[in-house]
Amino acid sequence: MPSVYVIGPKGIEEVSTSRIIQRGDLLVIDWGVCRLNLCTDVKRMAYVLRPGEVRPPQGIQHAFDVALECGASCARRSIRDGPGPSCRPRSTGASRRRATR
């Protein structure tokens, strides 16, 4: 089951419960799956606007902006042309020979 953290005025108020999401809440959704030794994890955040708001408060927007820039900056530093060491196929001939004996 995915985890949904509801962050209200008192901090994290609920985790995956029946609490009704309210305006002004910050939601953190954390979801992951492992199958056949392969795993993935996704985390998303959202802010629920209060009546009359057209954008999140400055502090929350700043946190979102910094997180996006950090991720983009990391991707720009990490992506290279051509195959990297982890992209090269491994020789499986020996392991195939052992498996068929």
Protein backbone atom coordinates (compact mmCIF):
# COMPACT_ATOMS: atom_id res chain seq x y z
CA MET A 1 0.00 0.00 0.00
CA PRO A 2 1.41 3.41 -0.84
CA SER A 3 2.10 5.73 2.06
CA VAL A 4 0.35 9.09 2.06
CA TYR A 5 1.63 11.56 4.63
CA VAL A 6 -0.68 14.48 5.40
CA ILE A 7 1.31 17.42 6.73
CA GLY A 8 -0.87 20.00 8.44
CA PRO A 9 -0.26 22.86 10.88
CA LYS A 10 1.07 20.42 13.51
CA GLY A 11 3.51 18.64 11.18
CA ILE A 12 2.85 15.09 9.98
CA GLU A 13 -0.68 14.48 11.22
CA GLU A 14 -1.65 11.26 9.52
CA VAL A 15 -0.12 8.45 7.51
CA SER A 16 -2.38 6.45 5.16
CA THR A 17 -5.51 6.83 7.27
CA SER A 18 -9.03 8.05 6.75
CA ARG A 19 -8.23 11.68 7.66
CA ILE A 20 -9.86 13.97 5.10
CA ILE A 21 -7.36 16.08 3.18
CA GLN A 22 -7.94 19.76 3.89
CA ARG A 23 -7.01 23.03 2.24
CA GLY A 24 -3.53 24.11 3.28
CA ASP A 25 -2.30 20.52 3.67
CA LEU A 26 0.95 19.38 2.14
CA LEU A 27 0.72 15.83 0.83
CA VAL A 28 3.65 13.45 0.46
CA ILE A 29 2.94 10.27 -1.49
CA ASP A 30 5.60 7.56 -1.24
CA TRP A 31 5.12 4.45 -3.35
CA GLY A 32 7.45 1.62 -4.21
CA VAL A 33 7.40 -1.86 -5.72
CA CYS A 34 9.89 -4.72 -5.68
CA ARG A 35 9.47 -7.70 -7.99
CA LEU A 36 12.01 -10.25 -9.21
CA ASN A 37 14.85 -8.38 -7.48
CA LEU A 38 14.00 -5.15 -9.33
CA CYS A 39 12.79 -2.22 -7.25
CA THR A 40 11.38 1.21 -7.93
CA ASP A 41 10.39 4.05 -5.66
CA VAL A 42 8.39 7.16 -6.42
CA LYS A 43 7.79 10.09 -4.11
CA ARG A 44 5.50 12.98 -4.98
CA MET A 45 4.49 16.10 -3.09
CA ALA A 46 1.51 18.37 -3.52
CA TYR A 47 0.08 21.38 -1.74
CA VAL A 48 -3.70 21.89 -1.48
CA LEU A 49 -4.48 25.58 -2.04
CA ARG A 50 -6.47 27.43 0.62
CA PRO A 51 -9.55 29.44 -0.42
CA GLY A 52 -8.41 32.55 -2.28
CA GLU A 53 -4.87 31.24 -2.94
CA VAL A 54 -3.77 31.02 -6.54
CA ARG A 55 -0.32 29.60 -5.73
CA PRO A 56 1.37 27.91 -2.77
CA PRO A 57 2.88 30.06 -0.01
CA GLN A 58 6.33 31.43 -0.85
CA GLY A 59 8.20 29.01 1.43
CA ILE A 60 6.53 25.92 -0.06
CA GLN A 61 7.00 27.19 -3.63
CA HIS A 62 10.67 27.91 -2.87
CA ALA A 63 11.15 24.35 -1.56
CA PHE A 64 9.52 22.92 -4.71
CA ASP A 65 11.70 25.15 -6.95
CA VAL A 66 14.92 24.20 -5.13
CA ALA A 67 14.06 20.48 -5.34
CA LEU A 68 13.36 20.73 -9.09
CA GLU A 69 16.60 22.61 -9.74
CA CYS A 70 18.57 20.16 -7.62
CA GLY A 71 17.19 17.20 -9.59
CA ALA A 72 17.78 18.92 -12.94
CA SER A 73 21.31 19.92 -11.93
CA CYS A 74 22.13 16.38 -10.84
CA ALA A 75 20.80 15.00 -14.13
CA ARG A 76 22.83 17.52 -16.15
CA ARG A 77 26.03 16.53 -14.31
CA SER A 78 25.36 12.79 -14.62
CA ILE A 79 24.23 12.34 -18.23
CA ARG A 80 27.02 11.68 -20.73
CA ASP A 81 27.15 10.83 -24.44
CA GLY A 82 27.66 7.17 -25.30
CA PRO A 83 27.48 4.02 -23.23
CA GLY A 84 28.96 4.19 -19.76
CA PRO A 85 30.57 1.35 -17.83
CA SER A 86 27.21 0.18 -16.49
CA CYS A 87 25.78 0.02 -20.03
CA ARG A 88 28.30 -2.47 -21.42
CA PRO A 89 26.96 -5.99 -21.79
CA ARG A 90 28.60 -8.56 -19.54
CA SER A 91 30.03 -11.71 -21.01
CA THR A 92 27.58 -14.49 -20.24
CA GLY A 93 29.31 -17.29 -22.16
CA ALA A 94 31.00 -18.80 -19.09
CA SER A 95 27.86 -18.67 -16.99
CA ARG A 96 25.86 -20.31 -19.78
CA ARG A 97 28.41 -23.10 -20.06
CA ARG A 98 28.25 -23.72 -16.28
CA ALA A 99 24.44 -23.74 -16.32
CA THR A 100 24.24 -26.39 -19.05
CA ARG A 101 26.65 -28.86 -17.39
